[in-house]
N, C-alpha and C. Protein backbone atom coordinates (compact mmCIF):
# COMPACT_ATOMS: atom_id res chain seq x y z
N MET A 1 107.28 117.52 110.60
CA MET A 1 106.06 117.59 110.69
C MET A 1 105.24 116.57 110.01
N LYS A 2 104.26 115.97 110.49
CA LYS A 2 103.64 114.99 109.75
C LYS A 2 102.18 115.62 108.84
N PRO A 3 102.22 115.16 108.04
CA PRO A 3 100.92 115.55 107.31
C PRO A 3 99.60 115.44 107.43
N PRO A 4 98.61 116.20 107.56
CA PRO A 4 97.33 115.70 107.99
C PRO A 4 96.99 114.47 107.25
N GLU A 5 96.08 113.67 107.72
CA GLU A 5 95.74 112.50 107.25
C GLU A 5 95.01 112.36 105.83
N SER A 6 94.09 113.13 105.60
CA SER A 6 93.82 113.50 104.12
C SER A 6 94.89 113.63 103.44
N VAL A 7 96.01 114.28 103.51
CA VAL A 7 97.25 114.27 102.64
C VAL A 7 98.01 113.06 102.35
N GLU A 8 97.86 112.35 103.54
CA GLU A 8 98.69 110.80 103.51
C GLU A 8 97.65 110.09 103.00
N ASN A 9 96.21 110.23 102.95
CA ASN A 9 95.25 109.08 102.28
C ASN A 9 95.30 109.59 100.50
N TYR A 10 95.85 110.77 99.97
CA TYR A 10 95.67 111.03 98.54
C TYR A 10 97.02 110.57 98.28
N LEU A 11 98.23 110.94 99.08
CA LEU A 11 99.20 110.24 98.44
C LEU A 11 99.61 108.69 98.71
N GLU A 12 98.84 107.86 99.46
CA GLU A 12 98.65 106.61 99.49
C GLU A 12 98.05 105.81 98.30
N THR A 13 97.06 106.72 97.66
CA THR A 13 96.29 106.45 96.84
C THR A 13 97.06 106.39 95.74
N ILE A 14 97.52 107.75 95.47
CA ILE A 14 98.25 108.04 94.26
C ILE A 14 99.41 107.05 94.06
N LEU A 15 100.05 106.71 94.88
CA LEU A 15 101.11 105.25 94.75
C LEU A 15 100.51 104.07 94.55
N MET A 16 99.13 103.71 95.21
CA MET A 16 98.23 102.49 94.80
C MET A 16 98.15 102.60 93.18
N LEU A 17 97.69 103.49 92.57
CA LEU A 17 97.21 103.59 91.14
C LEU A 17 98.46 103.74 90.11
N SER A 18 99.55 104.47 90.91
CA SER A 18 100.51 104.42 89.91
C SER A 18 101.36 102.93 89.80
N GLN A 19 101.11 102.15 90.96
CA GLN A 19 101.61 100.71 90.71
C GLN A 19 100.78 99.65 90.07
N ARG A 20 99.71 100.20 89.35
CA ARG A 20 98.77 99.82 88.13
C ARG A 20 99.68 99.61 86.94
N GLY A 21 100.47 100.57 87.00
CA GLY A 21 101.26 101.08 85.65
C GLY A 21 100.94 102.10 84.64
N LYS A 22 99.57 102.44 85.14
CA LYS A 22 99.30 103.34 84.33
C LYS A 22 99.23 104.81 85.10
N PRO A 23 99.33 105.71 83.94
CA PRO A 23 99.47 107.29 84.29
C PRO A 23 98.58 107.78 85.40
N VAL A 24 98.40 108.50 86.63
CA VAL A 24 97.51 108.47 87.38
C VAL A 24 97.18 109.95 87.00
N ARG A 25 95.58 110.14 86.75
CA ARG A 25 95.04 111.45 86.67
C ARG A 25 93.86 111.89 87.83
N SER A 26 93.92 113.06 87.91
CA SER A 26 92.67 113.49 88.79
C SER A 26 91.63 112.52 88.94
N VAL A 27 91.07 112.34 87.77
CA VAL A 27 89.62 111.52 87.81
C VAL A 27 89.88 110.44 88.37
N ASP A 28 90.92 109.77 88.31
CA ASP A 28 91.00 108.31 88.62
C ASP A 28 91.42 108.32 90.37
N ILE A 29 91.52 109.29 90.85
CA ILE A 29 91.92 109.46 92.38
C ILE A 29 90.73 109.81 92.62
N ALA A 30 89.76 110.55 92.14
CA ALA A 30 88.17 110.57 92.28
C ALA A 30 87.41 109.32 92.59
N ASN A 31 87.71 108.68 91.27
CA ASN A 31 86.91 107.14 91.32
C ASN A 31 87.42 106.46 92.41
N GLU A 32 88.83 106.33 92.47
CA GLU A 32 89.22 105.35 93.43
C GLU A 32 88.55 105.76 95.10
N LEU A 33 88.58 106.82 95.31
CA LEU A 33 88.41 107.12 96.60
C LEU A 33 87.00 107.81 96.70
N GLY A 34 86.24 107.78 95.52
CA GLY A 34 84.58 108.16 95.64
C GLY A 34 84.28 109.31 96.06
N TYR A 35 85.39 110.78 95.60
CA TYR A 35 85.45 111.94 96.34
C TYR A 35 85.00 112.76 94.49
N SER A 36 84.42 113.79 94.77
CA SER A 36 84.30 114.71 93.62
C SER A 36 85.21 115.07 92.96
N LYS A 37 85.40 115.20 91.55
CA LYS A 37 86.18 115.91 90.89
C LYS A 37 87.06 117.35 91.25
N PRO A 38 86.09 118.21 91.88
CA PRO A 38 86.45 119.83 92.07
C PRO A 38 87.08 119.40 93.71
N SER A 39 86.87 118.35 94.60
CA SER A 39 87.41 117.93 95.67
C SER A 39 88.70 117.55 95.59
N VAL A 40 88.77 116.66 94.41
CA VAL A 40 90.25 116.21 94.18
C VAL A 40 91.23 116.96 93.51
N SER A 41 90.47 117.96 92.69
CA SER A 41 91.46 119.25 92.02
C SER A 41 92.01 120.26 93.14
N ILE A 42 90.88 120.23 94.25
CA ILE A 42 91.66 121.28 95.41
C ILE A 42 92.68 120.61 96.06
N ALA A 43 92.68 119.51 96.24
CA ALA A 43 93.62 118.67 96.91
C ALA A 43 94.73 118.63 95.87
N MET A 44 94.61 118.46 95.09
CA MET A 44 96.02 118.02 94.32
C MET A 44 96.71 119.56 94.01
N LYS A 45 95.83 120.73 94.00
CA LYS A 45 96.56 122.03 94.22
C LYS A 45 97.18 122.41 95.33
N ASN A 46 96.63 121.66 96.54
CA ASN A 46 97.45 121.86 97.82
C ASN A 46 99.07 120.91 97.85
N LEU A 47 98.83 119.73 97.02
CA LEU A 47 99.89 118.57 97.37
C LEU A 47 100.87 119.14 96.43
N ARG A 48 100.47 119.86 95.16
CA ARG A 48 101.53 120.66 94.31
C ARG A 48 102.15 121.80 94.98
N THR A 49 101.71 122.58 95.92
CA THR A 49 102.17 123.95 96.84
C THR A 49 103.13 123.25 97.71
N ASN A 50 102.65 122.27 97.99
CA ASN A 50 103.27 121.51 99.07
C ASN A 50 104.41 120.81 98.52
N GLU A 51 104.86 120.62 97.58
CA GLU A 51 105.75 119.72 96.90
C GLU A 51 105.66 118.21 96.96
N TYR A 52 104.21 117.82 97.15
CA TYR A 52 103.87 116.59 97.30
C TYR A 52 104.05 115.73 95.83
N VAL A 53 103.51 116.41 94.97
CA VAL A 53 103.14 115.75 93.83
C VAL A 53 103.67 116.89 92.54
N THR A 54 103.79 116.53 91.18
CA THR A 54 104.03 117.17 90.16
C THR A 54 102.99 116.71 89.33
N VAL A 55 102.36 117.93 88.52
CA VAL A 55 101.41 117.57 87.39
C VAL A 55 101.91 118.35 85.95
N ASP A 56 101.87 117.22 84.93
CA ASP A 56 102.51 117.27 83.79
C ASP A 56 101.31 118.17 82.72
N SER A 57 101.66 118.68 81.60
CA SER A 57 100.83 119.46 80.71
C SER A 57 99.54 118.64 80.73
N ASN A 58 99.81 117.06 80.43
CA ASN A 58 98.57 116.15 80.13
C ASN A 58 97.86 116.11 81.48
N GLY A 59 98.45 116.67 82.29
CA GLY A 59 97.42 115.95 83.91
C GLY A 59 97.55 115.16 84.39
N TYR A 60 98.92 114.23 84.39
CA TYR A 60 99.36 113.24 84.75
C TYR A 60 99.82 113.57 86.08
N ILE A 61 99.74 112.70 87.27
CA ILE A 61 100.26 113.11 88.39
C ILE A 61 101.17 112.04 88.79
N THR A 62 102.27 112.71 89.47
CA THR A 62 103.53 111.80 89.87
C THR A 62 103.94 112.19 91.15
N LEU A 63 104.22 111.45 92.26
CA LEU A 63 104.76 111.69 93.59
C LEU A 63 105.87 112.33 93.28
N THR A 64 106.66 113.25 93.98
CA THR A 64 107.82 113.70 94.22
C THR A 64 108.41 112.70 95.01
N GLU A 65 109.91 112.84 95.51
CA GLU A 65 110.43 111.90 96.46
C GLU A 65 109.92 112.41 97.92
N ASN A 66 109.49 113.15 98.17
CA ASN A 66 109.11 113.52 99.76
C ASN A 66 107.75 112.97 99.51
N GLY A 67 106.66 113.23 98.55
CA GLY A 67 105.80 112.37 98.56
C GLY A 67 105.56 111.04 98.64
N ARG A 68 106.77 110.50 97.76
CA ARG A 68 106.72 108.71 97.55
C ARG A 68 106.97 108.55 98.97
N GLN A 69 107.99 109.17 99.69
CA GLN A 69 108.51 108.39 101.16
C GLN A 69 107.33 108.40 101.63
N ILE A 70 106.36 109.43 101.82
CA ILE A 70 104.91 109.69 103.00
C ILE A 70 104.08 108.80 102.40
N ALA A 71 103.85 108.58 100.95
CA ALA A 71 103.09 107.39 100.79
C ALA A 71 103.48 106.06 100.84
N GLN A 72 104.98 105.74 100.48
CA GLN A 72 105.41 104.44 100.99
C GLN A 72 105.01 103.97 102.55
N ASN A 73 105.36 105.04 103.48
CA ASN A 73 104.97 104.87 104.71
C ASN A 73 104.04 104.33 105.27
N ILE A 74 102.81 105.07 104.77
CA ILE A 74 101.55 104.60 105.04
C ILE A 74 100.89 103.36 104.30
N TYR A 75 101.62 102.90 103.12
CA TYR A 75 101.23 101.83 102.26
C TYR A 75 101.49 100.76 103.16
N ASP A 76 102.86 100.57 103.69
CA ASP A 76 103.67 99.67 104.18
C ASP A 76 102.84 99.66 105.88
N ARG A 77 102.51 100.47 106.48
CA ARG A 77 101.77 100.35 107.69
C ARG A 77 100.46 100.07 107.64
N HIS A 78 99.44 100.13 106.35
CA HIS A 78 98.08 99.61 106.17
C HIS A 78 98.75 98.06 105.91
N THR A 79 99.37 97.76 105.03
CA THR A 79 99.69 96.42 104.72
C THR A 79 99.89 95.51 105.56
N LEU A 80 101.03 96.07 106.36
CA LEU A 80 101.48 95.55 107.77
C LEU A 80 100.00 94.83 108.75
N ILE A 81 99.49 96.17 108.80
CA ILE A 81 98.34 96.15 109.86
C ILE A 81 97.54 95.49 109.29
N SER A 82 96.96 95.37 108.06
CA SER A 82 96.03 94.94 107.51
C SER A 82 95.95 92.83 107.47
N GLU A 83 97.27 92.47 107.21
CA GLU A 83 97.86 91.02 107.50
C GLU A 83 97.73 91.17 108.52
N TRP A 84 98.16 91.59 109.73
CA TRP A 84 98.33 91.39 111.11
C TRP A 84 96.64 90.82 111.87
N LEU A 85 95.83 91.88 111.39
CA LEU A 85 94.75 91.94 111.71
C LEU A 85 94.06 90.71 111.06
N ILE A 86 94.11 90.10 109.80
CA ILE A 86 93.81 89.19 109.18
C ILE A 86 94.26 87.65 110.04
N PHE A 87 95.78 87.76 110.31
CA PHE A 87 96.21 86.83 110.77
C PHE A 87 95.66 86.55 112.26
N LEU A 88 95.42 87.38 112.78
CA LEU A 88 94.43 87.39 114.15
C LEU A 88 93.13 86.94 114.02
N GLY A 89 92.35 86.69 112.82
CA GLY A 89 91.49 85.99 112.64
C GLY A 89 90.11 87.14 111.98
N VAL A 90 90.70 88.25 112.01
CA VAL A 90 89.40 89.45 111.58
C VAL A 90 89.61 89.25 110.21
N ASP A 91 87.89 89.09 109.82
CA ASP A 91 87.87 89.10 108.21
C ASP A 91 88.69 90.19 107.44
N ARG A 92 88.84 89.72 106.16
CA ARG A 92 89.72 90.80 105.30
C ARG A 92 89.05 92.15 104.96
N GLU A 93 87.68 92.06 104.91
CA GLU A 93 87.28 93.48 104.60
C GLU A 93 87.61 94.44 105.83
N THR A 94 86.94 93.83 107.09
CA THR A 94 87.15 94.55 108.40
C THR A 94 88.49 94.95 108.40
N ALA A 95 89.29 93.82 108.07
CA ALA A 95 91.09 94.43 108.52
C ALA A 95 91.43 95.50 107.62
N VAL A 96 91.08 95.76 106.49
CA VAL A 96 91.59 96.52 105.58
C VAL A 96 90.98 97.91 106.00
N HIS A 97 89.51 97.84 106.16
CA HIS A 97 89.03 98.88 106.87
C HIS A 97 89.54 99.69 108.23
N ASP A 98 90.02 98.70 108.97
CA ASP A 98 90.25 99.47 110.23
C ASP A 98 91.79 99.56 110.02
N ALA A 99 92.74 98.90 109.48
CA ALA A 99 93.93 99.62 109.16
C ALA A 99 93.98 100.74 108.46
N CYS A 100 92.89 101.27 107.75
CA CYS A 100 92.99 102.34 107.27
C CYS A 100 92.72 103.70 108.11
N GLY A 101 92.36 103.37 109.30
CA GLY A 101 92.23 104.25 110.46
C GLY A 101 93.50 104.13 111.36
N MET A 102 94.07 102.72 111.60
CA MET A 102 94.96 102.62 112.71
C MET A 102 96.32 103.12 112.17
N GLU A 103 96.60 103.20 110.56
CA GLU A 103 97.54 103.27 109.88
C GLU A 103 98.33 104.97 110.01
N HIS A 104 97.02 105.75 110.45
CA HIS A 104 97.28 107.08 110.37
C HIS A 104 97.53 107.58 111.76
N SER A 105 97.66 106.97 112.79
CA SER A 105 97.09 107.34 114.11
C SER A 105 98.16 106.75 115.38
N ILE A 106 98.61 105.47 114.60
CA ILE A 106 99.40 104.87 115.28
C ILE A 106 100.90 105.77 115.18
N SER A 107 101.48 105.57 116.40
CA SER A 107 102.86 106.08 116.72
C SER A 107 103.72 105.36 115.93
N GLU A 108 105.06 105.68 115.69
CA GLU A 108 106.21 105.34 114.94
C GLU A 108 106.31 104.37 115.91
N LYS A 109 106.75 104.57 117.29
CA LYS A 109 107.24 103.57 118.42
C LYS A 109 106.21 102.23 118.17
N SER A 110 105.21 102.25 118.43
CA SER A 110 104.06 101.25 118.31
C SER A 110 104.10 100.79 117.04
N PHE A 111 104.17 101.14 116.07
CA PHE A 111 104.13 100.77 114.89
C PHE A 111 105.69 99.61 114.51
N VAL A 112 106.61 100.23 115.09
CA VAL A 112 107.81 99.17 115.05
C VAL A 112 107.64 98.12 115.94
N ALA A 113 107.13 98.49 117.54
CA ALA A 113 106.98 97.08 117.85
C ALA A 113 106.20 95.99 117.52
N ILE A 114 104.88 96.30 116.61
CA ILE A 114 104.08 95.41 116.06
C ILE A 114 104.93 94.89 114.93
N GLN A 115 105.61 95.70 114.16
CA GLN A 115 106.56 94.98 113.01
C GLN A 115 107.42 93.99 113.77
N LYS A 116 107.86 94.21 114.82
CA LYS A 116 109.12 93.62 115.35
C LYS A 116 108.31 92.11 115.92
N HIS A 117 107.23 92.17 116.47
CA HIS A 117 106.47 91.27 117.38
C HIS A 117 105.98 90.49 116.14
N ILE A 118 105.78 90.67 114.73
CA ILE A 118 105.39 89.97 113.67
C ILE A 118 106.38 89.49 113.23
N GLU A 119 107.68 89.73 112.78
CA GLU A 119 109.04 89.07 112.20
C GLU A 119 109.02 88.49 113.02
N GLU A 120 109.42 88.29 114.50
CA GLU A 120 109.51 87.14 115.49
C GLU A 120 108.84 86.08 115.63
N TRP A 121 107.24 86.51 115.18
CA TRP A 121 106.54 85.23 115.17
C TRP A 121 106.90 84.50 113.78
N LYS A 122 106.98 85.25 112.82
CA LYS A 122 107.33 84.62 111.55
C LYS A 122 108.51 83.84 111.51
N GLN A 123 109.36 84.45 112.30
CA GLN A 123 110.66 83.26 112.44
C GLN A 123 110.38 81.98 113.22
N ILE A 124 109.62 82.27 114.28
CA ILE A 124 109.09 81.02 114.85
C ILE A 124 108.57 80.00 114.12
N LEU A 125 107.26 80.82 113.26
CA LEU A 125 106.48 79.82 112.58
C LEU A 125 107.23 79.24 111.25
N TYR A 126 108.21 79.74 110.69
CA TYR A 126 108.88 79.20 109.58
C TYR A 126 109.70 78.28 110.41
N LYS A 127 110.37 78.52 111.18
CA LYS A 127 111.01 77.37 112.06
C LYS A 127 110.34 75.91 112.04
N ARG A 128 109.04 76.07 112.41
CA ARG A 128 108.62 74.81 112.88
C ARG A 128 107.92 74.14 111.47
N LYS A 129 108.08 74.60 110.45
CA LYS A 129 107.78 74.04 108.87
C LYS A 129 109.00 73.17 108.51
């Protein structure tokens, strides 16, 4: 079963923060998303309960394998959709914002079709160069 959009957003944020090379804490997530610390604390409890993250004794948050898979899937969708919209002429800020909503609602079937289309176009464009 697909997790709620809010869960996907938290997991994606944890993934992106962890890619910056520093340990991730609840305060980092709150700052990144603009949420209150108590809201993030409640969310982290729910993510732990559902085994999407672990939190060590220092408060550092790590994605579990399941949490990482979900986060990577959403991040990949976000990246591809953003790049696609930018390629179509949408300004970066709007494309990134729109991709945030689309990444959660688009079906796997539609996403794969877009992904395939983009790959085909890349092949055509690279052959022209």
